[in-house]
């Protein structure tokens, strides 16, 4: 009986460690997916910072043009306001003419460089490969976890029922904790759902500067 108790304890410990490893392995796979996504965000952030610095002269010219546009609109507004107060008929006539202040030129959209596009495509491919690797690993690891869960539960139940010198409350607490955090389907289902819902990063078209006020 004592030998069986020792074997049950050894099996329970090994099974617990296997389940613990599989849990953290799955977590590391999902973290890797998020790291790949973040790398794409870092690349786009660096590119946006570079574009912002390069577009400063253009944005300064744009600001001056906006000031000129503002002055034109302000002058038109003041003229229309004076007409409204002094010569309503002329004001109505001007409204019928539908005078509109001239618009500013349209701000062109800067294309994404081939180097940046290739880098984003590589990250997207790497993400999809990692996502596929996650589900392939999970399908194989699932049966190992299943065997470890069966031996862990069996070992703890054996100790709970037949270990006269053991603390049964400790075995029971360990059994409940193992089921809730490692054996139960909630954690692995959550990890798989998260990995499945994550989308591969895509390239983002960026402007050379903030959009013009009038498009």
N, C-alpha and C. Protein backbone atom coordinates (compact mmCIF):
# COMPACT_ATOMS: atom_id res chain seq x y z
N UNK A 1 0.83 -1.21 0.00
CA UNK A 1 0.00 0.00 0.00
C UNK A 1 0.87 1.26 0.00
N UNK A 2 1.93 1.24 0.84
CA UNK A 2 2.81 2.42 0.90
C UNK A 2 3.49 2.65 -0.45
N UNK A 3 3.85 1.53 -1.11
CA UNK A 3 4.48 1.67 -2.43
C UNK A 3 3.50 2.28 -3.42
N UNK A 4 2.25 1.84 -3.37
CA UNK A 4 1.24 2.39 -4.26
C UNK A 4 1.00 3.88 -3.99
N UNK A 5 1.05 4.25 -2.73
CA UNK A 5 0.87 5.66 -2.36
C UNK A 5 2.00 6.50 -2.94
N UNK A 6 3.23 6.00 -2.85
CA UNK A 6 4.37 6.73 -3.41
C UNK A 6 4.25 6.85 -4.93
N UNK A 7 3.83 5.77 -5.59
CA UNK A 7 3.65 5.80 -7.05
C UNK A 7 2.57 6.81 -7.43
N UNK A 8 1.47 6.83 -6.67
CA UNK A 8 0.37 7.76 -6.95
C UNK A 8 0.83 9.20 -6.78
N UNK A 9 1.61 9.46 -5.75
CA UNK A 9 2.13 10.81 -5.54
C UNK A 9 3.07 11.22 -6.67
N UNK A 10 3.93 10.28 -7.10
CA UNK A 10 4.87 10.58 -8.19
C UNK A 10 4.11 10.86 -9.49
N UNK A 11 3.11 10.04 -9.79
CA UNK A 11 2.31 10.24 -11.01
C UNK A 11 1.58 11.56 -10.97
N UNK A 12 1.03 11.89 -9.79
CA UNK A 12 0.28 13.16 -9.65
C UNK A 12 1.21 14.35 -9.87
N UNK A 13 2.43 14.26 -9.33
CA UNK A 13 3.38 15.38 -9.48
C UNK A 13 3.78 15.54 -10.94
N UNK A 14 4.13 14.44 -11.60
CA UNK A 14 4.53 14.50 -13.01
C UNK A 14 3.39 15.02 -13.87
N UNK A 15 2.19 14.53 -13.63
CA UNK A 15 1.04 14.96 -14.42
C UNK A 15 0.74 16.43 -14.21
N UNK A 16 0.87 16.88 -12.98
CA UNK A 16 0.64 18.29 -12.67
C UNK A 16 1.64 19.17 -13.42
N UNK A 17 2.91 18.75 -13.43
CA UNK A 17 3.94 19.53 -14.12
C UNK A 17 3.71 19.54 -15.63
N UNK A 18 3.25 18.41 -16.20
CA UNK A 18 2.96 18.36 -17.63
C UNK A 18 1.83 19.32 -17.98
N UNK A 19 0.77 19.33 -17.18
CA UNK A 19 -0.33 20.25 -17.42
C UNK A 19 0.11 21.70 -17.26
N UNK A 20 0.95 21.95 -16.28
CA UNK A 20 1.44 23.31 -16.07
C UNK A 20 2.28 23.77 -17.26
N UNK A 21 3.11 22.87 -17.77
CA UNK A 21 3.92 23.21 -18.94
C UNK A 21 3.04 23.49 -20.16
N UNK A 22 2.04 22.64 -20.41
CA UNK A 22 1.17 22.83 -21.57
C UNK A 22 0.40 24.15 -21.48
N UNK A 23 0.01 24.52 -20.26
CA UNK A 23 -0.71 25.78 -20.08
C UNK A 23 0.16 26.97 -20.45
N UNK A 24 1.39 26.99 -19.96
CA UNK A 24 2.28 28.11 -20.26
C UNK A 24 2.79 28.05 -21.70
N UNK A 25 2.86 26.86 -22.27
CA UNK A 25 3.25 26.76 -23.67
C UNK A 25 2.20 27.40 -24.57
N UNK A 26 0.95 27.10 -24.32
CA UNK A 26 -0.12 27.72 -25.08
C UNK A 26 -0.12 29.23 -24.91
N UNK A 27 0.11 29.67 -23.70
CA UNK A 27 0.16 31.12 -23.45
C UNK A 27 1.31 31.75 -24.21
N UNK A 28 2.46 31.09 -24.26
CA UNK A 28 3.60 31.65 -25.00
C UNK A 28 3.31 31.74 -26.49
N UNK A 29 2.53 30.80 -27.02
CA UNK A 29 2.18 30.84 -28.44
C UNK A 29 1.30 32.05 -28.76
N UNK A 30 0.34 32.31 -27.89
CA UNK A 30 -0.54 33.46 -28.09
C UNK A 30 0.24 34.77 -27.92
N UNK A 31 1.15 34.80 -26.96
CA UNK A 31 1.98 35.99 -26.77
C UNK A 31 2.85 36.24 -27.99
N UNK A 32 3.32 35.18 -28.62
CA UNK A 32 4.13 35.33 -29.83
C UNK A 32 3.31 35.95 -30.96
N UNK A 33 2.05 35.55 -31.07
CA UNK A 33 1.17 36.15 -32.07
C UNK A 33 1.01 37.65 -31.82
N UNK A 34 0.82 38.01 -30.56
CA UNK A 34 0.68 39.43 -30.24
C UNK A 34 1.97 40.19 -30.47
N UNK A 35 3.11 39.55 -30.20
CA UNK A 35 4.39 40.22 -30.46
C UNK A 35 4.58 40.49 -31.94
N UNK A 36 4.15 39.56 -32.79
CA UNK A 36 4.25 39.77 -34.24
C UNK A 36 3.38 40.94 -34.67
N UNK A 37 2.16 41.00 -34.13
CA UNK A 37 1.28 42.13 -34.45
C UNK A 37 1.88 43.45 -33.98
N UNK A 38 2.47 43.45 -32.79
CA UNK A 38 3.07 44.68 -32.27
C UNK A 38 4.27 45.11 -33.09
N UNK A 39 5.01 44.16 -33.66
CA UNK A 39 6.16 44.52 -34.49
C UNK A 39 5.69 45.29 -35.72
N UNK A 40 4.53 44.90 -36.28
CA UNK A 40 4.01 45.64 -37.43
C UNK A 40 3.59 47.05 -37.02
N UNK A 41 3.01 47.17 -35.82
CA UNK A 41 2.61 48.49 -35.34
C UNK A 41 3.85 49.38 -35.12
N UNK A 42 4.93 48.77 -34.62
CA UNK A 42 6.15 49.54 -34.40
C UNK A 42 6.73 50.05 -35.72
N UNK A 43 6.68 49.20 -36.76
CA UNK A 43 7.18 49.62 -38.07
C UNK A 43 6.35 50.78 -38.61
N UNK A 44 5.03 50.69 -38.51
CA UNK A 44 4.17 51.75 -38.99
C UNK A 44 4.35 53.03 -38.19
N UNK A 45 4.61 52.90 -36.89
CA UNK A 45 4.85 54.08 -36.05
C UNK A 45 6.14 54.78 -36.44
N UNK A 46 7.19 53.99 -36.67
CA UNK A 46 8.47 54.58 -37.11
C UNK A 46 8.31 55.29 -38.45
N UNK A 47 7.56 54.67 -39.36
CA UNK A 47 7.33 55.28 -40.67
C UNK A 47 6.53 56.57 -40.54
N UNK A 48 5.52 56.55 -39.67
CA UNK A 48 4.71 57.75 -39.46
C UNK A 48 5.54 58.87 -38.86
N UNK A 49 6.44 58.54 -37.94
CA UNK A 49 7.32 59.55 -37.34
C UNK A 49 8.26 60.14 -38.39
N UNK A 50 8.78 59.29 -39.27
CA UNK A 50 9.65 59.76 -40.34
C UNK A 50 8.89 60.66 -41.31
N UNK A 51 7.68 60.24 -41.69
CA UNK A 51 6.87 61.05 -42.61
C UNK A 51 6.49 62.39 -41.99
N UNK A 52 6.23 62.37 -40.69
CA UNK A 52 5.87 63.61 -40.00
C UNK A 52 7.01 64.61 -40.04
N UNK A 53 8.23 64.11 -39.83
CA UNK A 53 9.40 64.98 -39.87
C UNK A 53 9.64 65.52 -41.28
N UNK A 54 9.50 64.65 -42.29
CA UNK A 54 9.75 65.07 -43.66
C UNK A 54 8.69 66.04 -44.18
N UNK A 55 7.49 65.94 -43.64
CA UNK A 55 6.39 66.75 -44.16
C UNK A 55 6.27 68.12 -43.47
N UNK A 56 7.19 68.43 -42.55
CA UNK A 56 7.10 69.70 -41.82
C UNK A 56 7.10 70.91 -42.75
N UNK A 57 8.01 71.03 -43.73
CA UNK A 57 7.96 72.19 -44.63
C UNK A 57 6.63 72.30 -45.38
N UNK A 58 6.13 71.14 -45.84
CA UNK A 58 4.86 71.15 -46.56
C UNK A 58 3.71 71.58 -45.65
N UNK A 59 3.73 71.10 -44.42
CA UNK A 59 2.67 71.47 -43.49
C UNK A 59 2.73 72.94 -43.09
N UNK A 60 3.93 73.50 -43.06
CA UNK A 60 4.05 74.93 -42.79
C UNK A 60 3.45 75.75 -43.93
N UNK A 61 3.74 75.33 -45.19
CA UNK A 61 3.12 76.01 -46.32
C UNK A 61 1.60 75.85 -46.29
N UNK A 62 1.17 74.65 -45.90
CA UNK A 62 -0.27 74.39 -45.82
C UNK A 62 -0.92 75.29 -44.77
N UNK A 63 -0.23 75.51 -43.67
CA UNK A 63 -0.76 76.38 -42.62
C UNK A 63 -0.93 77.82 -43.13
N UNK A 64 0.07 78.29 -43.86
CA UNK A 64 -0.02 79.64 -44.42
C UNK A 64 -1.18 79.73 -45.42
N UNK A 65 -1.33 78.64 -46.22
CA UNK A 65 -2.43 78.64 -47.18
C UNK A 65 -3.78 78.63 -46.47
N UNK A 66 -3.86 77.92 -45.36
CA UNK A 66 -5.10 77.90 -44.58
C UNK A 66 -5.40 79.28 -43.99
N UNK A 67 -4.35 79.98 -43.58
CA UNK A 67 -4.56 81.34 -43.07
C UNK A 67 -5.11 82.25 -44.17
N UNK A 68 -4.54 82.09 -45.39
CA UNK A 68 -5.06 82.89 -46.52
C UNK A 68 -6.51 82.53 -46.81
N UNK A 69 -6.81 81.24 -46.78
CA UNK A 69 -8.18 80.79 -47.00
C UNK A 69 -9.11 81.37 -45.93
N UNK A 70 -8.63 81.38 -44.71
CA UNK A 70 -9.42 81.94 -43.61
C UNK A 70 -9.69 83.43 -43.83
N UNK A 71 -8.67 84.17 -44.28
CA UNK A 71 -8.85 85.60 -44.52
C UNK A 71 -9.87 85.85 -45.62
N UNK A 72 -9.82 85.03 -46.69
CA UNK A 72 -10.79 85.16 -47.77
C UNK A 72 -12.22 84.91 -47.27
N UNK A 73 -12.38 83.83 -46.50
CA UNK A 73 -13.70 83.51 -45.98
C UNK A 73 -14.18 84.57 -44.98
N UNK A 74 -13.24 85.08 -44.17
CA UNK A 74 -13.61 86.11 -43.20
C UNK A 74 -14.05 87.39 -43.90
N UNK A 75 -13.31 87.77 -44.95
CA UNK A 75 -13.66 88.98 -45.69
C UNK A 75 -15.03 88.82 -46.34
N UNK A 76 -15.28 87.63 -46.91
CA UNK A 76 -16.58 87.38 -47.53
C UNK A 76 -17.70 87.43 -46.48
N UNK A 77 -17.44 86.89 -45.33
CA UNK A 77 -18.43 86.89 -44.26
C UNK A 77 -18.75 88.32 -43.81
N UNK A 78 -17.71 89.14 -43.65
CA UNK A 78 -17.92 90.52 -43.20
C UNK A 78 -18.69 91.33 -44.25
N UNK A 79 -18.37 91.07 -45.53
CA UNK A 79 -19.10 91.78 -46.59
C UNK A 79 -20.57 91.38 -46.60
N UNK A 80 -20.84 90.09 -46.46
CA UNK A 80 -22.21 89.62 -46.45
C UNK A 80 -22.96 90.12 -45.22
N UNK A 81 -22.25 90.19 -44.09
CA UNK A 81 -22.88 90.70 -42.87
C UNK A 81 -23.24 92.18 -43.01
N UNK A 82 -22.34 92.98 -43.61
CA UNK A 82 -22.64 94.40 -43.83
C UNK A 82 -23.82 94.57 -44.78
N UNK A 83 -23.85 93.75 -45.83
CA UNK A 83 -24.97 93.83 -46.76
C UNK A 83 -26.28 93.44 -46.09
N UNK A 84 -26.23 92.47 -45.24
CA UNK A 84 -27.44 92.01 -44.55
C UNK A 84 -28.02 93.12 -43.67
N UNK A 85 -27.13 93.91 -43.08
CA UNK A 85 -27.58 94.97 -42.19
C UNK A 85 -27.95 96.25 -42.94
N UNK A 86 -27.26 96.53 -44.07
CA UNK A 86 -27.45 97.80 -44.76
C UNK A 86 -28.27 97.71 -46.05
N UNK A 87 -28.13 96.62 -46.79
CA UNK A 87 -28.79 96.51 -48.09
C UNK A 87 -29.26 95.07 -48.27
N UNK A 88 -30.46 94.81 -47.76
CA UNK A 88 -30.95 93.43 -47.75
C UNK A 88 -31.19 92.90 -49.16
N UNK A 89 -31.66 93.76 -50.08
CA UNK A 89 -31.91 93.32 -51.45
C UNK A 89 -30.62 92.87 -52.13
N UNK A 90 -29.56 93.65 -51.92
CA UNK A 90 -28.26 93.26 -52.48
C UNK A 90 -27.76 91.97 -51.84
N UNK A 91 -28.03 91.81 -50.56
CA UNK A 91 -27.64 90.59 -49.85
C UNK A 91 -28.33 89.36 -50.45
N UNK A 92 -29.64 89.49 -50.72
CA UNK A 92 -30.39 88.39 -51.34
C UNK A 92 -29.84 88.10 -52.74
N UNK A 93 -29.51 89.18 -53.47
CA UNK A 93 -28.97 89.00 -54.80
C UNK A 93 -27.65 88.24 -54.75
N UNK A 94 -26.80 88.59 -53.80
CA UNK A 94 -25.52 87.89 -53.66
C UNK A 94 -25.73 86.41 -53.31
N UNK A 95 -26.76 86.14 -52.51
CA UNK A 95 -27.07 84.75 -52.17
C UNK A 95 -27.49 83.97 -53.41
N UNK A 96 -28.27 84.62 -54.26
CA UNK A 96 -28.71 83.96 -55.49
C UNK A 96 -27.55 83.70 -56.44
N UNK A 97 -26.54 84.56 -56.37
CA UNK A 97 -25.36 84.34 -57.19
C UNK A 97 -24.56 83.11 -56.74
N UNK A 98 -24.83 82.68 -55.48
CA UNK A 98 -24.17 81.50 -54.90
C UNK A 98 -22.64 81.62 -54.98
N UNK A 99 -22.15 82.75 -54.54
CA UNK A 99 -20.70 82.95 -54.53
C UNK A 99 -20.07 82.05 -53.47
N UNK A 100 -19.05 81.34 -53.85
CA UNK A 100 -18.33 80.46 -52.94
C UNK A 100 -16.85 80.82 -53.00
N UNK A 101 -16.20 81.07 -51.86
CA UNK A 101 -14.76 81.37 -51.88
C UNK A 101 -13.97 80.22 -52.52
N UNK A 102 -12.90 80.52 -53.21
CA UNK A 102 -12.11 79.46 -53.88
C UNK A 102 -11.57 78.44 -52.89
N UNK A 103 -11.55 77.21 -53.31
CA UNK A 103 -11.06 76.14 -52.45
C UNK A 103 -9.54 75.98 -52.58
N UNK A 104 -8.98 75.41 -51.53
CA UNK A 104 -7.54 75.13 -51.54
C UNK A 104 -7.26 73.87 -52.34
N UNK A 105 -6.03 73.69 -52.83
CA UNK A 105 -5.70 72.48 -53.60
C UNK A 105 -5.79 71.23 -52.73
N UNK A 106 -6.06 70.12 -53.36
CA UNK A 106 -6.23 68.85 -52.65
C UNK A 106 -4.87 68.27 -52.26
N UNK A 107 -4.81 67.77 -51.03
CA UNK A 107 -3.57 67.18 -50.52
C UNK A 107 -3.41 65.78 -51.09
N UNK A 108 -2.31 65.47 -51.81
CA UNK A 108 -2.14 64.13 -52.39
C UNK A 108 -1.83 63.09 -51.32
N UNK A 109 -2.14 61.85 -51.62
CA UNK A 109 -1.87 60.73 -50.71
C UNK A 109 -0.53 60.11 -51.06
N UNK A 110 0.33 60.02 -50.07
CA UNK A 110 1.66 59.46 -50.30
C UNK A 110 1.57 57.94 -50.41
N UNK A 111 2.12 57.33 -51.46
CA UNK A 111 2.06 55.87 -51.59
C UNK A 111 3.01 55.18 -50.61
N UNK A 112 2.70 53.95 -50.29
CA UNK A 112 3.56 53.15 -49.42
C UNK A 112 4.74 52.63 -50.23
N UNK A 113 5.93 52.77 -49.68
CA UNK A 113 7.13 52.34 -50.39
C UNK A 113 7.14 50.82 -50.55
N UNK A 114 7.79 50.31 -51.62
CA UNK A 114 7.86 48.84 -51.81
C UNK A 114 8.55 48.15 -50.63
N UNK A 115 9.57 48.80 -50.05
CA UNK A 115 10.27 48.19 -48.91
C UNK A 115 9.34 48.00 -47.72
N UNK A 116 8.55 49.06 -47.43
CA UNK A 116 7.61 48.97 -46.31
C UNK A 116 6.52 47.94 -46.60
N UNK A 117 6.04 47.94 -47.83
CA UNK A 117 5.00 46.97 -48.21
C UNK A 117 5.51 45.54 -48.09
N UNK A 118 6.76 45.30 -48.52
CA UNK A 118 7.34 43.96 -48.42
C UNK A 118 7.51 43.56 -46.95
N UNK A 119 7.94 44.51 -46.11
CA UNK A 119 8.14 44.22 -44.69
C UNK A 119 6.82 43.86 -44.01
N UNK A 120 5.77 44.60 -44.34
CA UNK A 120 4.46 44.30 -43.77
C UNK A 120 3.93 42.96 -44.26
N UNK A 121 4.23 42.63 -45.52
CA UNK A 121 3.79 41.35 -46.07
C UNK A 121 4.52 40.19 -45.39
N UNK A 122 5.80 40.38 -45.11
CA UNK A 122 6.57 39.35 -44.40
C UNK A 122 6.02 39.13 -43.00
N UNK A 123 5.68 40.22 -42.32
CA UNK A 123 5.11 40.10 -40.98
C UNK A 123 3.77 39.38 -41.03
N UNK A 124 2.96 39.72 -42.04
CA UNK A 124 1.66 39.06 -42.19
C UNK A 124 1.82 37.56 -42.43
N UNK A 125 2.78 37.19 -43.27
CA UNK A 125 3.04 35.77 -43.53
C UNK A 125 3.53 35.07 -42.26
N UNK A 126 4.43 35.73 -41.54
CA UNK A 126 4.95 35.17 -40.30
C UNK A 126 3.84 34.98 -39.28
N UNK A 127 2.93 35.94 -39.23
CA UNK A 127 1.80 35.85 -38.30
C UNK A 127 0.93 34.63 -38.63
N UNK A 128 0.61 34.47 -39.91
CA UNK A 128 -0.24 33.34 -40.30
C UNK A 128 0.46 32.00 -40.07
N UNK A 129 1.75 31.95 -40.29
CA UNK A 129 2.50 30.72 -40.01
C UNK A 129 2.49 30.41 -38.52
N UNK A 130 2.66 31.45 -37.69
CA UNK A 130 2.63 31.25 -36.25
C UNK A 130 1.25 30.82 -35.78
N UNK A 131 0.22 31.41 -36.39
CA UNK A 131 -1.16 31.04 -36.06
C UNK A 131 -1.43 29.57 -36.42
N UNK A 132 -0.96 29.16 -37.60
CA UNK A 132 -1.11 27.77 -38.00
C UNK A 132 -0.33 26.84 -37.09
N UNK A 133 0.88 27.26 -36.70
CA UNK A 133 1.71 26.46 -35.81
C UNK A 133 1.05 26.30 -34.44
N UNK A 134 0.36 27.36 -34.00
CA UNK A 134 -0.33 27.30 -32.71
C UNK A 134 -1.39 26.20 -32.72
N UNK A 135 -2.22 26.18 -33.75
CA UNK A 135 -3.30 25.20 -33.79
C UNK A 135 -2.76 23.79 -34.04
N UNK A 136 -1.68 23.67 -34.82
CA UNK A 136 -1.07 22.36 -35.01
C UNK A 136 -0.49 21.84 -33.69
N UNK A 137 0.17 22.73 -32.96
CA UNK A 137 0.75 22.33 -31.67
C UNK A 137 -0.34 21.99 -30.67
N UNK A 138 -1.40 22.78 -30.69
CA UNK A 138 -2.50 22.56 -29.75
C UNK A 138 -3.17 21.21 -29.99
N UNK A 139 -3.37 20.85 -31.26
CA UNK A 139 -4.01 19.58 -31.57
C UNK A 139 -3.18 18.40 -31.07
N UNK A 140 -1.85 18.51 -31.12
CA UNK A 140 -0.99 17.44 -30.63
C UNK A 140 -0.88 17.48 -29.10
N UNK A 141 -0.73 18.69 -28.57
CA UNK A 141 -0.57 18.83 -27.13
C UNK A 141 -1.85 18.48 -26.39
N UNK A 142 -2.99 18.56 -27.06
CA UNK A 142 -4.25 18.28 -26.41
C UNK A 142 -4.32 16.85 -25.89
N UNK A 143 -3.79 15.88 -26.66
CA UNK A 143 -3.84 14.49 -26.23
C UNK A 143 -2.85 14.23 -25.10
N UNK A 144 -1.71 14.91 -25.14
CA UNK A 144 -0.76 14.79 -24.03
C UNK A 144 -1.38 15.36 -22.75
N UNK A 145 -2.04 16.52 -22.89
CA UNK A 145 -2.70 17.13 -21.73
C UNK A 145 -3.84 16.24 -21.22
N UNK A 146 -4.53 15.60 -22.17
CA UNK A 146 -5.62 14.69 -21.78
C UNK A 146 -5.09 13.53 -20.93
N UNK A 147 -3.98 12.93 -21.39
CA UNK A 147 -3.38 11.82 -20.63
C UNK A 147 -2.89 12.30 -19.27
N UNK A 148 -2.25 13.48 -19.25
CA UNK A 148 -1.76 14.03 -17.98
C UNK A 148 -2.91 14.33 -17.04
N UNK A 149 -4.03 14.86 -17.58
CA UNK A 149 -5.18 15.18 -16.75
C UNK A 149 -5.79 13.91 -16.15
N UNK A 150 -5.88 12.84 -16.96
CA UNK A 150 -6.45 11.59 -16.47
C UNK A 150 -5.58 10.99 -15.35
N UNK A 151 -4.27 10.99 -15.57
CA UNK A 151 -3.39 10.43 -14.54
C UNK A 151 -3.35 11.29 -13.29
N UNK A 152 -3.44 12.62 -13.47
CA UNK A 152 -3.46 13.51 -12.31
C UNK A 152 -4.72 13.31 -11.48
N UNK A 153 -5.86 13.29 -12.15
CA UNK A 153 -7.12 13.09 -11.43
C UNK A 153 -7.16 11.71 -10.79
N UNK A 154 -6.71 10.71 -11.55
CA UNK A 154 -6.69 9.36 -10.99
C UNK A 154 -5.77 9.25 -9.79
N UNK A 155 -4.57 9.84 -9.88
CA UNK A 155 -3.63 9.80 -8.76
C UNK A 155 -4.16 10.52 -7.54
N UNK A 156 -4.76 11.70 -7.73
CA UNK A 156 -5.29 12.46 -6.59
C UNK A 156 -6.49 11.75 -5.96
N UNK A 157 -7.34 11.17 -6.80
CA UNK A 157 -8.48 10.43 -6.25
C UNK A 157 -8.01 9.20 -5.47
N UNK A 158 -6.99 8.55 -5.99
CA UNK A 158 -6.44 7.39 -5.26
C UNK A 158 -5.88 7.83 -3.91
N UNK A 159 -5.12 8.92 -3.90
CA UNK A 159 -4.57 9.42 -2.64
C UNK A 159 -5.68 9.90 -1.70
N UNK A 160 -6.70 10.51 -2.29
CA UNK A 160 -7.81 11.02 -1.48
C UNK A 160 -8.56 9.89 -0.79
N UNK A 161 -8.64 8.75 -1.46
CA UNK A 161 -9.43 7.65 -0.90
C UNK A 161 -8.60 6.66 -0.07
N UNK A 162 -7.32 6.49 -0.43
CA UNK A 162 -6.58 5.39 0.18
C UNK A 162 -5.35 5.81 0.99
N UNK A 163 -4.99 7.09 0.98
CA UNK A 163 -3.82 7.51 1.76
C UNK A 163 -4.27 7.81 3.19
N UNK A 164 -4.00 6.93 4.12
CA UNK A 164 -4.50 7.13 5.49
C UNK A 164 -3.72 8.24 6.24
N UNK A 165 -2.48 8.46 5.83
CA UNK A 165 -1.66 9.44 6.53
C UNK A 165 -1.67 10.81 5.85
N UNK A 166 -2.21 10.88 4.65
CA UNK A 166 -2.21 12.15 3.92
C UNK A 166 -3.31 13.09 4.38
N UNK A 167 -3.11 14.37 4.06
CA UNK A 167 -4.12 15.37 4.37
C UNK A 167 -5.11 15.42 3.21
N UNK A 168 -6.29 14.87 3.44
CA UNK A 168 -7.28 14.77 2.38
C UNK A 168 -7.73 16.14 1.89
N UNK A 169 -7.76 17.12 2.78
CA UNK A 169 -8.18 18.46 2.35
C UNK A 169 -7.19 19.05 1.36
N UNK A 170 -5.90 18.69 1.52
CA UNK A 170 -4.87 19.15 0.59
C UNK A 170 -5.07 18.51 -0.78
N UNK A 171 -5.34 17.20 -0.82
CA UNK A 171 -5.58 16.52 -2.09
C UNK A 171 -6.82 17.09 -2.79
N UNK A 172 -7.86 17.34 -2.00
CA UNK A 172 -9.09 17.88 -2.57
C UNK A 172 -8.87 19.27 -3.15
N UNK A 173 -8.14 20.13 -2.41
CA UNK A 173 -7.86 21.48 -2.89
C UNK A 173 -7.02 21.45 -4.17
N UNK A 174 -6.04 20.55 -4.21
CA UNK A 174 -5.19 20.41 -5.39
C UNK A 174 -6.00 19.91 -6.58
N UNK A 175 -6.93 19.02 -6.35
CA UNK A 175 -7.78 18.50 -7.41
C UNK A 175 -8.67 19.59 -7.99
N UNK A 176 -9.27 20.38 -7.10
CA UNK A 176 -10.16 21.47 -7.55
C UNK A 176 -9.36 22.52 -8.31
N UNK A 177 -8.21 22.89 -7.77
CA UNK A 177 -7.38 23.91 -8.41
C UNK A 177 -6.90 23.44 -9.79
N UNK A 178 -6.52 22.19 -9.89
CA UNK A 178 -6.05 21.66 -11.17
C UNK A 178 -7.16 21.66 -12.20
N UNK A 179 -8.37 21.31 -11.78
CA UNK A 179 -9.48 21.25 -12.72
C UNK A 179 -9.87 22.65 -13.19
N UNK A 180 -9.91 23.59 -12.26
CA UNK A 180 -10.35 24.94 -12.61
C UNK A 180 -9.36 25.62 -13.54
N UNK A 181 -8.06 25.50 -13.25
CA UNK A 181 -7.07 26.29 -13.98
C UNK A 181 -6.38 25.55 -15.13
N UNK A 182 -6.39 24.22 -15.12
CA UNK A 182 -5.63 23.51 -16.15
C UNK A 182 -6.42 22.42 -16.86
N UNK A 183 -7.24 21.69 -16.14
CA UNK A 183 -7.96 20.58 -16.76
C UNK A 183 -9.24 21.07 -17.41
N UNK A 184 -9.92 22.01 -16.77
CA UNK A 184 -11.17 22.52 -17.30
C UNK A 184 -11.00 23.14 -18.68
N UNK A 185 -12.04 23.13 -19.49
CA UNK A 185 -11.92 23.60 -20.88
C UNK A 185 -11.86 25.11 -21.02
N UNK A 186 -12.14 25.85 -19.97
CA UNK A 186 -12.27 27.30 -20.10
C UNK A 186 -10.98 27.97 -20.54
N UNK A 187 -9.86 27.64 -19.92
CA UNK A 187 -8.61 28.32 -20.22
C UNK A 187 -8.15 28.02 -21.65
N UNK A 188 -8.11 26.74 -22.03
CA UNK A 188 -7.64 26.38 -23.36
C UNK A 188 -8.59 26.88 -24.44
N UNK A 189 -9.88 26.87 -24.16
CA UNK A 189 -10.85 27.40 -25.13
C UNK A 189 -10.65 28.90 -25.31
N UNK A 190 -10.37 29.58 -24.22
CA UNK A 190 -10.13 31.02 -24.29
C UNK A 190 -8.89 31.32 -25.12
N UNK A 191 -7.82 30.57 -24.91
CA UNK A 191 -6.59 30.78 -25.65
C UNK A 191 -6.80 30.50 -27.15
N UNK A 192 -7.51 29.41 -27.45
CA UNK A 192 -7.75 29.07 -28.85
C UNK A 192 -8.65 30.10 -29.52
N UNK A 193 -9.67 30.58 -28.80
CA UNK A 193 -10.55 31.60 -29.36
C UNK A 193 -9.78 32.89 -29.63
N UNK A 194 -8.91 33.26 -28.69
CA UNK A 194 -8.12 34.46 -28.87
C UNK A 194 -7.18 34.34 -30.07
N UNK A 195 -6.54 33.20 -30.20
CA UNK A 195 -5.63 32.99 -31.34
C UNK A 195 -6.40 32.96 -32.65
N UNK A 196 -7.63 32.45 -32.64
CA UNK A 196 -8.42 32.38 -33.85
C UNK A 196 -8.97 33.73 -34.28
N UNK A 197 -9.29 34.58 -33.31
CA UNK A 197 -9.88 35.88 -33.64
C UNK A 197 -8.82 36.91 -34.05
N UNK A 198 -7.57 36.69 -33.68
CA UNK A 198 -6.54 37.65 -34.06
C UNK A 198 -6.38 37.67 -35.57
N UNK A 199 -6.30 38.88 -36.12
CA UNK A 199 -6.16 39.05 -37.56
C UNK A 199 -4.72 39.43 -37.90
N UNK A 200 -4.28 38.98 -39.04
CA UNK A 200 -2.92 39.31 -39.50
C UNK A 200 -2.82 40.81 -39.75
N UNK A 201 -1.66 41.43 -39.44
CA UNK A 201 -1.50 42.87 -39.66
C UNK A 201 -1.51 43.21 -41.14
N UNK A 202 -2.04 44.39 -41.44
CA UNK A 202 -2.09 44.87 -42.82
C UNK A 202 -1.36 46.19 -42.92
N UNK A 203 -0.88 46.50 -44.11
CA UNK A 203 -0.26 47.80 -44.35
C UNK A 203 -1.28 48.91 -44.28
N UNK A 204 -0.83 50.10 -43.93
CA UNK A 204 -1.70 51.27 -43.80
C UNK A 204 -1.21 52.34 -44.74
N UNK A 205 -2.11 52.87 -45.54
CA UNK A 205 -1.76 53.98 -46.42
C UNK A 205 -1.65 55.24 -45.59
N UNK A 206 -0.54 55.97 -45.75
CA UNK A 206 -0.30 57.13 -44.92
C UNK A 206 -0.21 58.38 -45.79
N UNK A 207 -0.71 59.51 -45.28
CA UNK A 207 -0.59 60.79 -45.95
C UNK A 207 0.75 61.42 -45.61
N UNK A 208 1.18 62.32 -46.45
CA UNK A 208 2.43 63.02 -46.18
C UNK A 208 2.25 64.02 -45.06
N UNK A 209 1.04 64.38 -44.75
CA UNK A 209 0.78 65.31 -43.67
C UNK A 209 -0.69 65.31 -43.36
N UNK A 210 -1.13 66.11 -42.38
CA UNK A 210 -2.53 66.19 -42.04
C UNK A 210 -3.35 66.63 -43.24
N UNK A 211 -4.60 66.17 -43.38
CA UNK A 211 -5.42 66.51 -44.54
C UNK A 211 -5.73 67.99 -44.58
N UNK A 212 -5.88 68.52 -45.80
CA UNK A 212 -6.23 69.92 -45.98
C UNK A 212 -7.65 70.14 -45.48
N UNK A 213 -7.95 71.36 -45.09
CA UNK A 213 -9.25 71.66 -44.54
C UNK A 213 -10.35 71.56 -45.59
N UNK A 214 -10.02 71.80 -46.86
CA UNK A 214 -11.00 71.74 -47.93
C UNK A 214 -10.56 70.67 -48.92
N UNK A 215 -11.34 69.62 -49.10
CA UNK A 215 -11.02 68.53 -50.02
C UNK A 215 -11.87 68.64 -51.27
